[in-house]
PDB file of N, CA and C in Angstrom:
ATOM      1  N   UNK A   1     -24.842 -11.174   1.381  1.00  0.00           N
ATOM      2  CA  UNK A   1     -24.366 -10.205   2.352  1.00  0.00           C
ATOM      3  C   UNK A   1     -22.965  -9.734   1.956  1.00  0.00           C
ATOM      4  N   UNK A   2     -22.843  -9.073   0.829  1.00  0.00           N
ATOM      5  CA  UNK A   2     -21.539  -8.676   0.312  1.00  0.00           C
ATOM      6  C   UNK A   2     -21.000  -7.411   0.967  1.00  0.00           C
ATOM      7  N   UNK A   3     -21.809  -6.740   1.788  1.00  0.00           N
ATOM      8  CA  UNK A   3     -21.344  -5.499   2.387  1.00  0.00           C
ATOM      9  C   UNK A   3     -20.798  -5.683   3.799  1.00  0.00           C
ATOM     10  N   UNK A   4     -20.571  -6.920   4.220  1.00  0.00           N
ATOM     11  CA  UNK A   4     -20.055  -7.151   5.564  1.00  0.00           C
ATOM     12  C   UNK A   4     -18.568  -6.804   5.628  1.00  0.00           C
ATOM     13  N   UNK A   5     -18.108  -6.511   6.829  1.00  0.00           N
ATOM     14  CA  UNK A   5     -16.698  -6.233   7.056  1.00  0.00           C
ATOM     15  C   UNK A   5     -15.942  -7.552   7.103  1.00  0.00           C
ATOM     16  N   UNK A   6     -14.759  -7.600   6.485  1.00  0.00           N
ATOM     17  CA  UNK A   6     -13.967  -8.822   6.488  1.00  0.00           C
ATOM     18  C   UNK A   6     -12.623  -8.578   7.164  1.00  0.00           C
ATOM     19  N   UNK A   7     -12.012  -9.656   7.623  1.00  0.00           N
ATOM     20  CA  UNK A   7     -10.760  -9.600   8.382  1.00  0.00           C
ATOM     21  C   UNK A   7      -9.540  -9.627   7.462  1.00  0.00           C
ATOM     22  N   UNK A   8      -8.368  -9.460   8.061  1.00  0.00           N
ATOM     23  CA  UNK A   8      -7.105  -9.577   7.323  1.00  0.00           C
ATOM     24  C   UNK A   8      -7.012 -10.959   6.689  1.00  0.00           C
ATOM     25  N   UNK A   9      -7.349 -11.981   7.438  1.00  0.00           N
ATOM     26  CA  UNK A   9      -7.288 -13.343   6.917  1.00  0.00           C
ATOM     27  C   UNK A   9      -8.214 -13.506   5.709  1.00  0.00           C
ATOM     28  N   UNK A  10      -9.435 -12.962   5.838  1.00  0.00           N
ATOM     29  CA  UNK A  10     -10.404 -13.069   4.749  1.00  0.00           C
ATOM     30  C   UNK A  10      -9.926 -12.344   3.495  1.00  0.00           C
ATOM     31  N   UNK A  11      -9.402 -11.135   3.672  1.00  0.00           N
ATOM     32  CA  UNK A  11      -9.001 -10.343   2.504  1.00  0.00           C
ATOM     33  C   UNK A  11      -7.743 -10.931   1.878  1.00  0.00           C
ATOM     34  N   UNK A  12      -6.862 -11.507   2.692  1.00  0.00           N
ATOM     35  CA  UNK A  12      -5.675 -12.180   2.145  1.00  0.00           C
ATOM     36  C   UNK A  12      -6.094 -13.368   1.280  1.00  0.00           C
ATOM     37  N   UNK A  13      -7.030 -14.140   1.772  1.00  0.00           N
ATOM     38  CA  UNK A  13      -7.536 -15.274   0.997  1.00  0.00           C
ATOM     39  C   UNK A  13      -8.256 -14.793  -0.260  1.00  0.00           C
ATOM     40  N   UNK A  14      -9.040 -13.753  -0.140  1.00  0.00           N
ATOM     41  CA  UNK A  14      -9.787 -13.172  -1.253  1.00  0.00           C
ATOM     42  C   UNK A  14      -8.853 -12.750  -2.386  1.00  0.00           C
ATOM     43  N   UNK A  15      -7.697 -12.156  -2.012  1.00  0.00           N
ATOM     44  CA  UNK A  15      -6.740 -11.682  -3.009  1.00  0.00           C
ATOM     45  C   UNK A  15      -5.669 -12.712  -3.358  1.00  0.00           C
ATOM     46  N   UNK A  16      -5.598 -13.789  -2.577  1.00  0.00           N
ATOM     47  CA  UNK A  16      -4.610 -14.833  -2.845  1.00  0.00           C
ATOM     48  C   UNK A  16      -3.195 -14.429  -2.467  1.00  0.00           C
ATOM     49  N   UNK A  17      -3.060 -13.675  -1.387  1.00  0.00           N
ATOM     50  CA  UNK A  17      -1.749 -13.251  -0.903  1.00  0.00           C
ATOM     51  C   UNK A  17      -1.644 -13.562   0.594  1.00  0.00           C
ATOM     52  N   UNK A  18      -0.471 -13.323   1.160  1.00  0.00           N
ATOM     53  CA  UNK A  18      -0.279 -13.586   2.589  1.00  0.00           C
ATOM     54  C   UNK A  18      -0.786 -12.428   3.441  1.00  0.00           C
ATOM     55  N   UNK A  19      -0.981 -12.704   4.725  1.00  0.00           N
ATOM     56  CA  UNK A  19      -1.364 -11.639   5.660  1.00  0.00           C
ATOM     57  C   UNK A  19      -0.266 -10.585   5.751  1.00  0.00           C
ATOM     58  N   UNK A  20       0.997 -11.000   5.690  1.00  0.00           N
ATOM     59  CA  UNK A  20       2.107 -10.044   5.731  1.00  0.00           C
ATOM     60  C   UNK A  20       2.039  -9.080   4.542  1.00  0.00           C
ATOM     61  N   UNK A  21       1.658  -9.583   3.387  1.00  0.00           N
ATOM     62  CA  UNK A  21       1.493  -8.723   2.214  1.00  0.00           C
ATOM     63  C   UNK A  21       0.407  -7.694   2.467  1.00  0.00           C
ATOM     64  N   UNK A  22      -0.698  -8.106   3.072  1.00  0.00           N
ATOM     65  CA  UNK A  22      -1.792  -7.183   3.376  1.00  0.00           C
ATOM     66  C   UNK A  22      -1.302  -6.075   4.306  1.00  0.00           C
ATOM     67  N   UNK A  23      -0.601  -6.435   5.371  1.00  0.00           N
ATOM     68  CA  UNK A  23      -0.097  -5.426   6.305  1.00  0.00           C
ATOM     69  C   UNK A  23       0.865  -4.462   5.605  1.00  0.00           C
ATOM     70  N   UNK A  24       1.693  -4.974   4.723  1.00  0.00           N
ATOM     71  CA  UNK A  24       2.599  -4.118   3.964  1.00  0.00           C
ATOM     72  C   UNK A  24       1.844  -3.163   3.053  1.00  0.00           C
ATOM     73  N   UNK A  25       0.806  -3.654   2.394  1.00  0.00           N
ATOM     74  CA  UNK A  25       0.010  -2.804   1.506  1.00  0.00           C
ATOM     75  C   UNK A  25      -0.726  -1.719   2.280  1.00  0.00           C
ATOM     76  N   UNK A  26      -1.163  -2.031   3.494  1.00  0.00           N
ATOM     77  CA  UNK A  26      -1.846  -1.016   4.308  1.00  0.00           C
ATOM     78  C   UNK A  26      -0.893   0.157   4.562  1.00  0.00           C
ATOM     79  N   UNK A  27       0.344  -0.144   4.929  1.00  0.00           N
ATOM     80  CA  UNK A  27       1.281   0.919   5.290  1.00  0.00           C
ATOM     81  C   UNK A  27       1.978   1.554   4.093  1.00  0.00           C
ATOM     82  N   UNK A  28       2.252   0.794   3.043  1.00  0.00           N
ATOM     83  CA  UNK A  28       3.072   1.312   1.951  1.00  0.00           C
ATOM     84  C   UNK A  28       2.300   1.662   0.689  1.00  0.00           C
ATOM     85  N   UNK A  29       1.099   1.140   0.541  1.00  0.00           N
ATOM     86  CA  UNK A  29       0.379   1.350  -0.716  1.00  0.00           C
ATOM     87  C   UNK A  29      -1.039   1.890  -0.508  1.00  0.00           C
ATOM     88  N   UNK A  30      -1.295   2.420   0.659  1.00  0.00           N
ATOM     89  CA  UNK A  30      -2.588   3.046   0.955  1.00  0.00           C
ATOM     90  C   UNK A  30      -3.783   2.125   0.701  1.00  0.00           C
ATOM     91  N   UNK A  31      -3.634   0.871   1.065  1.00  0.00           N
ATOM     92  CA  UNK A  31      -4.750  -0.063   0.935  1.00  0.00           C
ATOM     93  C   UNK A  31      -5.883   0.403   1.844  1.00  0.00           C
ATOM     94  N   UNK A  32      -7.114   0.443   1.329  1.00  0.00           N
ATOM     95  CA  UNK A  32      -8.232   0.896   2.167  1.00  0.00           C
ATOM     96  C   UNK A  32      -8.535  -0.108   3.274  1.00  0.00           C
ATOM     97  N   UNK A  33      -8.233   0.288   4.494  1.00  0.00           N
ATOM     98  CA  UNK A  33      -8.435  -0.564   5.658  1.00  0.00           C
ATOM     99  C   UNK A  33      -8.922   0.305   6.798  1.00  0.00           C
ATOM    100  N   UNK A  34      -9.685  -0.284   7.679  1.00  0.00           N
ATOM    101  CA  UNK A  34     -10.288   0.455   8.787  1.00  0.00           C
ATOM    102  C   UNK A  34      -9.955  -0.257  10.083  1.00  0.00           C
ATOM    103  N   UNK A  35      -9.430   0.488  11.039  1.00  0.00           N
ATOM    104  CA  UNK A  35      -9.070  -0.076  12.335  1.00  0.00           C
ATOM    105  C   UNK A  35     -10.323  -0.132  13.208  1.00  0.00           C
ATOM    106  N   UNK A  36     -10.642  -1.314  13.689  1.00  0.00           N
ATOM    107  CA  UNK A  36     -11.769  -1.522  14.602  1.00  0.00           C
ATOM    108  C   UNK A  36     -11.166  -2.142  15.856  1.00  0.00           C
ATOM    109  N   UNK A  37     -10.963  -1.313  16.868  1.00  0.00           N
ATOM    110  CA  UNK A  37     -10.220  -1.788  18.036  1.00  0.00           C
ATOM    111  C   UNK A  37      -8.784  -2.042  17.617  1.00  0.00           C
ATOM    112  N   UNK A  38      -8.309  -3.254  17.836  1.00  0.00           N
ATOM    113  CA  UNK A  38      -6.957  -3.634  17.418  1.00  0.00           C
ATOM    114  C   UNK A  38      -6.936  -4.280  16.048  1.00  0.00           C
ATOM    115  N   UNK A  39      -8.100  -4.543  15.484  1.00  0.00           N
ATOM    116  CA  UNK A  39      -8.199  -5.318  14.248  1.00  0.00           C
ATOM    117  C   UNK A  39      -8.371  -4.436  13.020  1.00  0.00           C
ATOM    118  N   UNK A  40      -7.797  -4.870  11.912  1.00  0.00           N
ATOM    119  CA  UNK A  40      -8.030  -4.229  10.629  1.00  0.00           C
ATOM    120  C   UNK A  40      -9.231  -4.903   9.967  1.00  0.00           C
ATOM    121  N   UNK A  41     -10.111  -4.092   9.399  1.00  0.00           N
ATOM    122  CA  UNK A  41     -11.290  -4.614   8.693  1.00  0.00           C
ATOM    123  C   UNK A  41     -11.365  -3.978   7.313  1.00  0.00           C
ATOM    124  N   UNK A  42     -12.003  -4.674   6.387  1.00  0.00           N
ATOM    125  CA  UNK A  42     -12.030  -4.278   4.989  1.00  0.00           C
ATOM    126  C   UNK A  42     -13.423  -4.451   4.408  1.00  0.00           C
ATOM    127  N   UNK A  43     -13.718  -3.637   3.396  1.00  0.00           N
ATOM    128  CA  UNK A  43     -14.905  -3.807   2.567  1.00  0.00           C
ATOM    129  C   UNK A  43     -14.407  -4.290   1.208  1.00  0.00           C
ATOM    130  N   UNK A  44     -14.949  -5.386   0.732  1.00  0.00           N
ATOM    131  CA  UNK A  44     -14.437  -5.951  -0.517  1.00  0.00           C
ATOM    132  C   UNK A  44     -14.636  -5.013  -1.701  1.00  0.00           C
ATOM    133  N   UNK A  45     -15.705  -4.215  -1.710  1.00  0.00           N
ATOM    134  CA  UNK A  45     -15.884  -3.289  -2.834  1.00  0.00           C
ATOM    135  C   UNK A  45     -14.795  -2.219  -2.846  1.00  0.00           C
ATOM    136  N   UNK A  46     -14.350  -1.767  -1.669  1.00  0.00           N
ATOM    137  CA  UNK A  46     -13.242  -0.803  -1.601  1.00  0.00           C
ATOM    138  C   UNK A  46     -11.945  -1.447  -2.081  1.00  0.00           C
ATOM    139  N   UNK A  47     -11.732  -2.691  -1.700  1.00  0.00           N
ATOM    140  CA  UNK A  47     -10.527  -3.411  -2.105  1.00  0.00           C
ATOM    141  C   UNK A  47     -10.529  -3.628  -3.617  1.00  0.00           C
ATOM    142  N   UNK A  48     -11.670  -4.003  -4.168  1.00  0.00           N
ATOM    143  CA  UNK A  48     -11.772  -4.193  -5.619  1.00  0.00           C
ATOM    144  C   UNK A  48     -11.407  -2.914  -6.364  1.00  0.00           C
ATOM    145  N   UNK A  49     -11.912  -1.785  -5.899  1.00  0.00           N
ATOM    146  CA  UNK A  49     -11.605  -0.494  -6.528  1.00  0.00           C
ATOM    147  C   UNK A  49     -10.123  -0.173  -6.408  1.00  0.00           C
ATOM    148  N   UNK A  50      -9.552  -0.422  -5.238  1.00  0.00           N
ATOM    149  CA  UNK A  50      -8.140  -0.168  -4.993  1.00  0.00           C
ATOM    150  C   UNK A  50      -7.261  -1.009  -5.922  1.00  0.00           C
ATOM    151  N   UNK A  51      -7.611  -2.278  -6.080  1.00  0.00           N
ATOM    152  CA  UNK A  51      -6.847  -3.161  -6.966  1.00  0.00           C
ATOM    153  C   UNK A  51      -6.920  -2.626  -8.404  1.00  0.00           C
ATOM    154  N   UNK A  52      -8.093  -2.166  -8.818  1.00  0.00           N
ATOM    155  CA  UNK A  52      -8.263  -1.655 -10.185  1.00  0.00           C
ATOM    156  C   UNK A  52      -7.429  -0.394 -10.449  1.00  0.00           C
ATOM    157  N   UNK A  53      -7.079   0.349  -9.405  1.00  0.00           N
ATOM    158  CA  UNK A  53      -6.235   1.540  -9.591  1.00  0.00           C
ATOM    159  C   UNK A  53      -4.791   1.166  -9.898  1.00  0.00           C
ATOM    160  N   UNK A  54      -4.427  -0.085  -9.665  1.00  0.00           N
ATOM    161  CA  UNK A  54      -3.072  -0.551  -9.943  1.00  0.00           C
ATOM    162  C   UNK A  54      -2.147  -0.530  -8.752  1.00  0.00           C
ATOM    163  N   UNK A  55      -2.638  -0.131  -7.591  1.00  0.00           N
ATOM    164  CA  UNK A  55      -1.762  -0.018  -6.431  1.00  0.00           C
ATOM    165  C   UNK A  55      -1.334  -1.373  -5.860  1.00  0.00           C
ATOM    166  N   UNK A  56      -2.007  -2.430  -6.225  1.00  0.00           N
ATOM    167  CA  UNK A  56      -1.612  -3.759  -5.766  1.00  0.00           C
ATOM    168  C   UNK A  56      -0.576  -4.385  -6.700  1.00  0.00           C
ATOM    169  N   UNK A  57      -0.306  -3.730  -7.802  1.00  0.00           N
ATOM    170  CA  UNK A  57       0.603  -4.251  -8.820  1.00  0.00           C
ATOM    171  C   UNK A  57       2.052  -4.169  -8.356  1.00  0.00           C
ATOM    172  N   UNK A  58       2.863  -5.127  -8.792  1.00  0.00           N
ATOM    173  CA  UNK A  58       4.294  -5.096  -8.491  1.00  0.00           C
ATOM    174  C   UNK A  58       4.975  -3.888  -9.128  1.00  0.00           C
ATOM    175  N   UNK A  59       4.390  -3.351 -10.195  1.00  0.00           N
ATOM    176  CA  UNK A  59       4.971  -2.203 -10.879  1.00  0.00           C
ATOM    177  C   UNK A  59       4.701  -0.897 -10.138  1.00  0.00           C
ATOM    178  N   UNK A  60       3.774  -0.908  -9.181  1.00  0.00           N
ATOM    179  CA  UNK A  60       3.436   0.311  -8.447  1.00  0.00           C
ATOM    180  C   UNK A  60       4.571   0.672  -7.513  1.00  0.00           C
ATOM    181  N   UNK A  61       4.922   1.950  -7.485  1.00  0.00           N
ATOM    182  CA  UNK A  61       5.889   2.428  -6.501  1.00  0.00           C
ATOM    183  C   UNK A  61       5.389   3.739  -5.940  1.00  0.00           C
ATOM    184  N   UNK A  62       5.581   3.902  -4.639  1.00  0.00           N
ATOM    185  CA  UNK A  62       5.161   5.132  -3.982  1.00  0.00           C
ATOM    186  C   UNK A  62       5.981   6.295  -4.497  1.00  0.00           C
ATOM    187  N   UNK A  63       5.363   7.456  -4.626  1.00  0.00           N
ATOM    188  CA  UNK A  63       6.147   8.646  -4.954  1.00  0.00           C
ATOM    189  C   UNK A  63       7.167   8.893  -3.852  1.00  0.00           C
ATOM    190  N   UNK A  64       8.384   9.194  -4.248  1.00  0.00           N
ATOM    191  CA  UNK A  64       9.447   9.407  -3.259  1.00  0.00           C
ATOM    192  C   UNK A  64       9.226  10.724  -2.534  1.00  0.00           C
ATOM    193  N   UNK A  65       9.524  10.750  -1.240  1.00  0.00           N
ATOM    194  CA  UNK A  65       9.450  12.026  -0.520  1.00  0.00           C
ATOM    195  C   UNK A  65      10.392  13.040  -1.158  1.00  0.00           C
ATOM    196  N   UNK A  66      10.075  14.317  -1.043  1.00  0.00           N
ATOM    197  CA  UNK A  66      10.857  15.377  -1.688  1.00  0.00           C
ATOM    198  C   UNK A  66      12.319  15.322  -1.284  1.00  0.00           C
ATOM    199  N   UNK A  67      12.594  15.063  -0.007  1.00  0.00           N
ATOM    200  CA  UNK A  67      13.976  15.014   0.466  1.00  0.00           C
ATOM    201  C   UNK A  67      14.754  13.906  -0.226  1.00  0.00           C
ATOM    202  N   UNK A  68      14.147  12.737  -0.344  1.00  0.00           N
ATOM    203  CA  UNK A  68      14.812  11.619  -1.007  1.00  0.00           C
ATOM    204  C   UNK A  68      15.009  11.930  -2.486  1.00  0.00           C
ATOM    205  N   UNK A  69      14.039  12.596  -3.105  1.00  0.00           N
ATOM    206  CA  UNK A  69      14.145  12.949  -4.509  1.00  0.00           C
ATOM    207  C   UNK A  69      15.298  13.928  -4.722  1.00  0.00           C
ATOM    208  N   UNK A  70      15.402  14.957  -3.871  1.00  0.00           N
ATOM    209  CA  UNK A  70      16.472  15.936  -4.035  1.00  0.00           C
ATOM    210  C   UNK A  70      17.834  15.278  -3.820  1.00  0.00           C
ATOM    211  N   UNK A  71      17.902  14.320  -2.902  1.00  0.00           N
ATOM    212  CA  UNK A  71      19.145  13.579  -2.670  1.00  0.00           C
ATOM    213  C   UNK A  71      19.525  12.797  -3.920  1.00  0.00           C
ATOM    214  N   UNK A  72      18.556  12.130  -4.528  1.00  0.00           N
ATOM    215  CA  UNK A  72      18.813  11.371  -5.759  1.00  0.00           C
ATOM    216  C   UNK A  72      19.252  12.307  -6.875  1.00  0.00           C
ATOM    217  N   UNK A  73      18.611  13.472  -6.990  1.00  0.00           N
ATOM    218  CA  UNK A  73      18.947  14.422  -8.043  1.00  0.00           C
ATOM    219  C   UNK A  73      20.380  14.922  -7.886  1.00  0.00           C
ATOM    220  N   UNK A  74      20.815  15.178  -6.661  1.00  0.00           N
ATOM    221  CA  UNK A  74      22.183  15.639  -6.429  1.00  0.00           C
ATOM    222  C   UNK A  74      23.177  14.617  -6.940  1.00  0.00           C
ATOM    223  N   UNK A  75      22.925  13.341  -6.628  1.00  0.00           N
ATOM    224  CA  UNK A  75      23.838  12.287  -7.056  1.00  0.00           C
ATOM    225  C   UNK A  75      23.749  12.063  -8.555  1.00  0.00           C
ATOM    226  N   UNK A  76      22.579  12.213  -9.122  1.00  0.00           N
ATOM    227  CA  UNK A  76      22.416  12.038 -10.563  1.00  0.00           C
ATOM    228  C   UNK A  76      23.156  13.136 -11.328  1.00  0.00           C
ATOM    229  N   UNK A  77      23.242  14.321 -10.725  1.00  0.00           N
ATOM    230  CA  UNK A  77      23.937  15.454 -11.365  1.00  0.00           C
ATOM    231  C   UNK A  77      25.424  15.450 -11.052  1.00  0.00           C
ATOM    232  N   UNK A  78      25.878  14.481 -10.293  1.00  0.00           N
ATOM    233  CA  UNK A  78      27.296  14.390  -9.974  1.00  0.00           C
ATOM    234  C   UNK A  78      27.685  15.125  -8.701  1.00  0.00           C
ATOM    235  N   UNK A  79      26.728  15.647  -7.979  1.00  0.00           N
ATOM    236  CA  UNK A  79      27.029  16.347  -6.738  1.00  0.00           C
ATOM    237  C   UNK A  79      27.332  15.379  -5.628  1.00  0.00           C
ATOM    238  N   UNK A  80      28.086  15.848  -4.649  1.00  0.00           N
ATOM    239  CA  UNK A  80      28.407  14.978  -3.536  1.00  0.00           C
ATOM    240  C   UNK A  80      27.587  15.309  -2.307  1.00  0.00           C
ATOM    241  N   UNK A  81      26.716  16.314  -2.405  1.00  0.00           N
ATOM    242  CA  UNK A  81      25.845  16.662  -1.295  1.00  0.00           C
ATOM    243  C   UNK A  81      26.517  17.508  -0.234  1.00  0.00           C
ATOM    244  N   UNK A  82      27.753  17.934  -0.488  1.00  0.00           N
ATOM    245  CA  UNK A  82      28.478  18.737   0.486  1.00  0.00           C
ATOM    246  C   UNK A  82      28.371  20.233   0.217  1.00  0.00           C
ATOM    247  N   UNK A  83      27.415  20.651  -0.531  1.00  0.00           N
ATOM    248  CA  UNK A  83      27.229  22.078  -0.717  1.00  0.00           C
ATOM    249  C   UNK A  83      27.242  22.446  -2.098  1.00  0.00           C
TER     250      UNK A  83
END
């Protein structure tokens, strides 16, 4: 029965990480999760695919929002952001 829905606890154990890590990945790394009432549920085949994309890797970083990028560019170019 590999197509059953699994809980946060189950998926954390499956991946060998903490529940807090799972919650962080849901919000920051687009981990495939489905809200059922108040609970998050997962399909292991979706999680396997997500892991293979590299989004679970420590090297993965979210693309910066445009505003943050332009702010970084101003400072990188020596601007002070005052016009």
